[in-house]
């Protein structure tokens, strides 16, 4: 248990970071164990409430792939994937919208509001703020190409915490829309609003070297080299690609961190060492 002087020291250590990021926008991709485990969900909500209350503008983009697959199986709709991305026919898209917009989004919003954050749930179709195009061979799974940030900017200016479900509209009239990978959605939104940071919460400690040691800081060149030699592989590839895309669009820094660590967001933002991997522009 910390003594009172230790508590004061911890608070003073955080002060420069609170000052540095006051008024800045941070986009957080929320998924994995942190979105499923009840204790971690509660800690995440506490973190978001604190970040918001000390003056940061927070936008959350959430996933929900496991829940979509679970409901698909119960309804007899086969879940199919290509290179880690879901193939979406019309039935799969309807299920994704039900789960992401109707179940998960409302649950996250409710939890955040219970902890004092002023949260509001939206998806990319609301106000037409995200439009996607089809990814070849994946049906109604899309790549977000157009982001109109006006809606988000108005919400964060009014101190709301937007919670975004990764469903996008289309520029084609009467089109049913697209299911979008949450990492790609977070990256596109972060780039469109020129966020200070974008954070991808995962179920790994971050980017690891070949000996499974955490790599705390990487440049774009480092990432490309590690991808080329196979150090970065599998499910980490779309995460680092989304991070690089955000950096290319003006985001200052991207982070990949372990959402299984309690209060990982606070440790990453308010301490010098952090708990994951940062990728620098």
Protein backbone atom coordinates (compact mmCIF):
# COMPACT_ATOMS: atom_id res chain seq x y z
CA UNK A 1 0.00 0.00 0.00
CA UNK A 2 1.33 3.42 -0.96
CA UNK A 3 2.11 5.94 1.76
CA UNK A 4 0.70 9.45 1.48
CA UNK A 5 4.05 10.88 0.22
CA UNK A 6 4.17 8.16 -2.44
CA UNK A 7 0.65 9.02 -3.59
CA UNK A 8 1.61 12.70 -3.84
CA UNK A 9 4.77 11.78 -5.78
CA UNK A 10 2.71 9.68 -8.21
CA UNK A 11 0.30 12.55 -8.80
CA UNK A 12 3.13 15.03 -9.36
CA UNK A 13 4.77 12.63 -11.84
CA UNK A 14 1.54 12.61 -13.83
CA UNK A 15 1.17 16.40 -13.83
CA UNK A 16 3.45 17.15 -16.83
CA UNK A 17 1.52 14.64 -18.94
CA UNK A 18 -1.83 16.05 -17.85
CA UNK A 19 -0.59 19.50 -18.86
CA UNK A 20 0.86 18.22 -22.14
CA UNK A 21 -2.31 16.47 -23.30
CA UNK A 22 -4.89 18.90 -21.93
CA UNK A 23 -7.29 19.73 -24.76
CA UNK A 24 -5.74 17.17 -27.11
CA UNK A 25 -7.74 14.50 -28.95
CA UNK A 26 -6.96 10.81 -28.42
CA UNK A 27 -8.60 8.02 -30.42
CA UNK A 28 -8.74 4.66 -28.63
CA UNK A 29 -9.51 1.36 -30.32
CA UNK A 30 -11.13 -0.71 -27.59
CA UNK A 31 -11.25 -4.49 -27.93
CA UNK A 32 -9.96 -7.84 -26.73
CA UNK A 33 -10.05 -8.92 -23.10
CA UNK A 34 -10.49 -5.33 -21.91
CA UNK A 35 -13.87 -5.33 -23.64
CA UNK A 36 -14.95 -8.73 -22.28
CA UNK A 37 -13.60 -9.21 -18.75
CA UNK A 38 -15.95 -7.48 -16.24
CA UNK A 39 -13.13 -6.22 -14.00
CA UNK A 40 -11.14 -4.84 -16.95
CA UNK A 41 -14.26 -3.22 -18.41
CA UNK A 42 -14.78 -1.39 -15.15
CA UNK A 43 -11.14 -0.24 -15.01
CA UNK A 44 -11.35 0.95 -18.62
CA UNK A 45 -14.44 3.04 -17.84
CA UNK A 46 -12.65 4.58 -14.85
CA UNK A 47 -9.67 5.45 -17.05
CA UNK A 48 -11.84 7.10 -19.70
CA UNK A 49 -13.74 9.12 -17.10
CA UNK A 50 -10.45 10.37 -15.63
CA UNK A 51 -8.92 11.25 -19.01
CA UNK A 52 -12.06 13.16 -19.92
CA UNK A 53 -12.30 14.98 -16.60
CA UNK A 54 -8.69 16.23 -16.81
CA UNK A 55 -9.41 17.86 -20.16
CA UNK A 56 -8.58 15.30 -22.85
CA UNK A 57 -10.92 14.79 -25.80
CA UNK A 58 -11.51 11.06 -26.08
CA UNK A 59 -13.02 9.14 -28.99
CA UNK A 60 -13.53 5.38 -28.62
CA UNK A 61 -13.87 2.92 -31.50
CA UNK A 62 -14.86 -0.55 -30.32
CA UNK A 63 -14.69 -4.01 -31.81
CA UNK A 64 -16.92 -7.02 -31.22
CA UNK A 65 -15.79 -9.81 -33.50
CA UNK A 66 -16.17 -12.62 -30.97
CA UNK A 67 -19.74 -11.61 -30.15
CA UNK A 68 -20.61 -11.38 -33.86
CA UNK A 69 -19.23 -14.87 -34.47
CA UNK A 70 -21.08 -16.25 -31.45
CA UNK A 71 -24.46 -14.90 -32.59
CA UNK A 72 -23.76 -15.96 -36.19
CA UNK A 73 -23.20 -19.53 -35.05
CA UNK A 74 -26.39 -19.51 -32.97
CA UNK A 75 -28.37 -18.28 -35.99
CA UNK A 76 -26.78 -20.80 -38.35
CA UNK A 77 -24.83 -18.21 -40.36
CA UNK A 78 -21.32 -19.45 -41.03
CA UNK A 79 -18.51 -17.06 -40.08
CA UNK A 80 -15.85 -16.88 -42.79
CA UNK A 81 -12.54 -15.00 -42.73
CA UNK A 82 -9.89 -14.09 -45.30
CA UNK A 83 -6.52 -12.79 -44.00
CA UNK A 84 -8.10 -12.06 -40.64
CA UNK A 85 -10.99 -10.02 -42.08
CA UNK A 86 -14.61 -11.17 -41.90
CA UNK A 87 -16.46 -11.97 -45.11
CA UNK A 88 -19.85 -10.27 -44.84
CA UNK A 89 -22.93 -11.22 -46.85
CA UNK A 90 -26.20 -9.40 -46.16
CA UNK A 91 -27.12 -11.71 -43.27
CA UNK A 92 -23.66 -11.30 -41.70
CA UNK A 93 -23.90 -7.52 -42.06
CA UNK A 94 -27.27 -7.48 -40.32
CA UNK A 95 -25.86 -9.56 -37.46
CA UNK A 96 -22.81 -7.28 -37.18
CA UNK A 97 -25.05 -4.21 -36.96
CA UNK A 98 -27.26 -5.87 -34.34
CA UNK A 99 -24.30 -6.80 -32.16
CA UNK A 100 -22.12 -3.73 -32.63
CA UNK A 101 -24.74 -0.97 -32.64
CA UNK A 102 -27.54 -2.58 -30.64
CA UNK A 103 -25.68 -4.50 -27.94
CA UNK A 104 -22.01 -3.64 -27.46
CA UNK A 105 -22.19 0.09 -28.17
CA UNK A 106 -25.05 0.70 -25.76
CA UNK A 107 -23.34 -1.37 -23.06
CA UNK A 108 -20.10 0.65 -23.32
CA UNK A 109 -21.99 3.96 -23.31
CA UNK A 110 -23.97 2.95 -20.23
CA UNK A 111 -20.84 1.84 -18.37
CA UNK A 112 -18.97 5.05 -19.18
CA UNK A 113 -21.89 7.21 -18.08
CA UNK A 114 -22.13 5.24 -14.83
CA UNK A 115 -18.50 6.23 -14.11
CA UNK A 116 -19.00 9.93 -14.85
CA UNK A 117 -17.98 10.17 -18.50
CA UNK A 118 -20.42 11.99 -20.77
CA UNK A 119 -20.62 9.25 -23.40
CA UNK A 120 -22.78 8.99 -26.52
CA UNK A 121 -23.00 6.11 -28.98
CA UNK A 122 -22.83 6.53 -32.77
CA UNK A 123 -21.80 4.60 -35.86
CA UNK A 124 -20.38 5.64 -39.22
CA UNK A 125 -23.84 5.93 -40.79
CA UNK A 126 -24.90 8.62 -38.31
CA UNK A 127 -24.69 11.94 -40.10
CA UNK A 128 -22.96 10.06 -42.93
CA UNK A 129 -19.66 10.68 -41.20
CA UNK A 130 -17.86 7.52 -42.40
CA UNK A 131 -18.26 6.04 -45.86
CA UNK A 132 -16.47 2.89 -46.97
CA UNK A 133 -15.81 0.98 -50.17
CA UNK A 134 -15.98 -2.77 -50.60
CA UNK A 135 -12.85 -4.82 -50.08
CA UNK A 136 -12.61 -7.21 -53.01
CA UNK A 137 -13.83 -10.69 -52.18
CA UNK A 138 -15.21 -9.75 -48.74
CA UNK A 139 -18.77 -8.77 -49.66
CA UNK A 140 -20.07 -6.09 -47.32
CA UNK A 141 -16.82 -5.75 -45.40
CA UNK A 142 -15.44 -2.35 -46.28
CA UNK A 143 -12.43 -0.07 -46.11
CA UNK A 144 -13.21 3.38 -44.65
CA UNK A 145 -12.28 5.95 -47.27
CA UNK A 146 -14.26 9.10 -46.45
CA UNK A 147 -14.49 10.53 -42.95
CA UNK A 148 -16.35 13.78 -42.37
CA UNK A 149 -15.21 14.80 -38.88
CA UNK A 150 -17.81 17.55 -38.32
CA UNK A 151 -20.11 15.40 -36.14
CA UNK A 152 -17.25 14.16 -33.96
CA UNK A 153 -15.77 17.63 -33.60
CA UNK A 154 -19.11 19.02 -32.43
CA UNK A 155 -19.54 16.20 -29.91
CA UNK A 156 -16.08 16.51 -28.37
CA UNK A 157 -16.41 20.31 -28.31
CA UNK A 158 -19.46 19.75 -26.09
CA UNK A 159 -17.37 17.42 -23.86
CA UNK A 160 -19.05 14.23 -25.05
CA UNK A 161 -17.07 10.99 -25.36
CA UNK A 162 -18.19 9.53 -28.72
CA UNK A 163 -18.29 5.72 -28.73
CA UNK A 164 -18.14 4.62 -32.36
CA UNK A 165 -19.41 1.27 -33.65
CA UNK A 166 -17.41 0.24 -36.75
CA UNK A 167 -20.29 0.27 -39.22
CA UNK A 168 -19.93 2.59 -42.22
CA UNK A 169 -22.22 3.95 -44.88
CA UNK A 170 -21.71 4.02 -48.63
CA UNK A 171 -21.75 6.72 -51.29
CA UNK A 172 -24.18 4.54 -53.27
CA UNK A 173 -27.88 5.34 -52.60
CA UNK A 174 -29.86 2.56 -50.82
CA UNK A 175 -26.66 0.60 -50.12
CA UNK A 176 -26.93 -1.31 -46.79
CA UNK A 177 -23.48 -0.18 -45.65
CA UNK A 178 -20.37 -1.97 -44.53
CA UNK A 179 -18.90 -3.83 -41.60
CA UNK A 180 -15.46 -2.29 -40.97
CA UNK A 181 -12.44 -3.61 -39.10
CA UNK A 182 -12.26 -1.61 -35.86
CA UNK A 183 -8.50 -0.97 -36.18
CA UNK A 184 -9.02 0.50 -39.66
CA UNK A 185 -11.96 2.59 -38.43
CA UNK A 186 -9.94 4.00 -35.53
CA UNK A 187 -7.04 4.82 -37.86
CA UNK A 188 -9.27 6.58 -40.40
CA UNK A 189 -11.00 8.66 -37.71
CA UNK A 190 -7.72 9.57 -36.01
CA UNK A 191 -6.26 10.77 -39.30
CA UNK A 192 -9.35 12.76 -40.26
CA UNK A 193 -9.39 14.75 -37.01
CA UNK A 194 -5.57 14.97 -36.70
CA UNK A 195 -5.61 13.30 -33.29
CA UNK A 196 -2.61 13.72 -31.01
CA UNK A 197 -2.49 9.96 -30.37
CA UNK A 198 -4.21 6.81 -31.46
CA UNK A 199 -4.11 3.82 -29.12
CA UNK A 200 -4.83 0.21 -30.10
CA UNK A 201 -5.71 -2.01 -27.14
CA UNK A 202 -4.81 -5.66 -27.73
CA UNK A 203 -4.35 -8.96 -25.93
CA UNK A 204 -0.56 -8.87 -26.27
CA UNK A 205 2.08 -6.84 -24.45
CA UNK A 206 2.84 -4.92 -27.66
CA UNK A 207 5.19 -5.51 -30.59
CA UNK A 208 7.74 -8.18 -29.66
CA UNK A 209 11.15 -9.04 -31.08
CA UNK A 210 12.11 -12.58 -32.11
CA UNK A 211 13.02 -13.40 -28.49
CA UNK A 212 9.57 -12.23 -27.31
CA UNK A 213 10.94 -9.09 -25.68
CA UNK A 214 8.80 -5.96 -25.80
CA UNK A 215 9.92 -3.31 -28.28
CA UNK A 216 9.00 -0.05 -26.57
CA UNK A 217 9.58 2.43 -29.38
CA UNK A 218 9.63 1.98 -33.16
CA UNK A 219 9.93 4.19 -36.22
CA UNK A 220 8.16 3.56 -39.52
CA UNK A 221 11.40 2.11 -40.91
CA UNK A 222 11.67 -0.24 -37.92
CA UNK A 223 8.14 -1.51 -38.49
CA UNK A 224 8.73 -2.14 -42.19
CA UNK A 225 11.96 -4.00 -41.42
CA UNK A 226 10.29 -6.17 -38.77
CA UNK A 227 7.45 -7.01 -41.13
CA UNK A 228 9.90 -7.92 -43.89
CA UNK A 229 11.88 -10.33 -41.70
CA UNK A 230 8.75 -11.95 -40.22
CA UNK A 231 9.15 -10.60 -36.68
CA UNK A 232 5.82 -8.80 -37.05
CA UNK A 233 3.37 -11.37 -38.37
CA UNK A 234 -0.18 -12.66 -38.12
CA UNK A 235 -2.73 -10.53 -36.31
CA UNK A 236 -0.17 -7.86 -35.42
CA UNK A 237 0.22 -6.86 -39.09
CA UNK A 238 -3.18 -5.13 -39.47
CA UNK A 239 -2.61 -3.30 -36.19
CA UNK A 240 0.77 -1.87 -37.18
CA UNK A 241 -0.56 -1.10 -40.67
CA UNK A 242 -3.45 0.84 -39.11
CA UNK A 243 -0.97 2.64 -36.88
CA UNK A 244 1.22 3.60 -39.85
CA UNK A 245 -1.84 4.78 -41.79
CA UNK A 246 -2.83 7.07 -38.93
CA UNK A 247 0.69 8.48 -38.73
CA UNK A 248 0.70 9.11 -42.48
CA UNK A 249 -2.46 11.16 -42.04
CA UNK A 250 -1.02 13.49 -39.41
CA UNK A 251 -1.40 11.68 -36.08
CA UNK A 252 1.65 12.38 -33.89
CA UNK A 253 2.07 8.98 -32.27
CA UNK A 254 0.44 5.52 -32.23
CA UNK A 255 0.49 3.05 -29.36
CA UNK A 256 -0.15 -0.68 -29.21
CA UNK A 257 -0.70 -1.76 -25.63
CA UNK A 258 -1.91 -4.67 -23.55
CA UNK A 259 -5.52 -4.16 -22.56
CA UNK A 260 -5.24 -7.02 -20.07
CA UNK A 261 -3.19 -4.76 -17.79
CA UNK A 262 -5.37 -2.91 -15.31
CA UNK A 263 -5.42 0.85 -16.00
CA UNK A 264 -3.20 0.35 -19.05
CA UNK A 265 -4.38 3.63 -20.56
CA UNK A 266 -3.33 5.67 -17.54
CA UNK A 267 0.04 3.92 -17.37
CA UNK A 268 0.66 4.58 -21.06
CA UNK A 269 -0.37 8.23 -21.09
CA UNK A 270 0.75 9.41 -17.64
CA UNK A 271 4.09 7.64 -17.19
CA UNK A 272 7.43 7.96 -18.97
CA UNK A 273 7.89 4.23 -19.60
CA UNK A 274 4.36 3.25 -20.54
CA UNK A 275 3.20 -0.33 -20.91
CA UNK A 276 3.25 -1.01 -24.64
CA UNK A 277 4.88 -0.12 -27.95
CA UNK A 278 4.88 3.40 -29.36
CA UNK A 279 5.26 4.01 -33.08
CA UNK A 280 6.62 7.41 -33.99
CA UNK A 281 5.83 9.52 -37.05
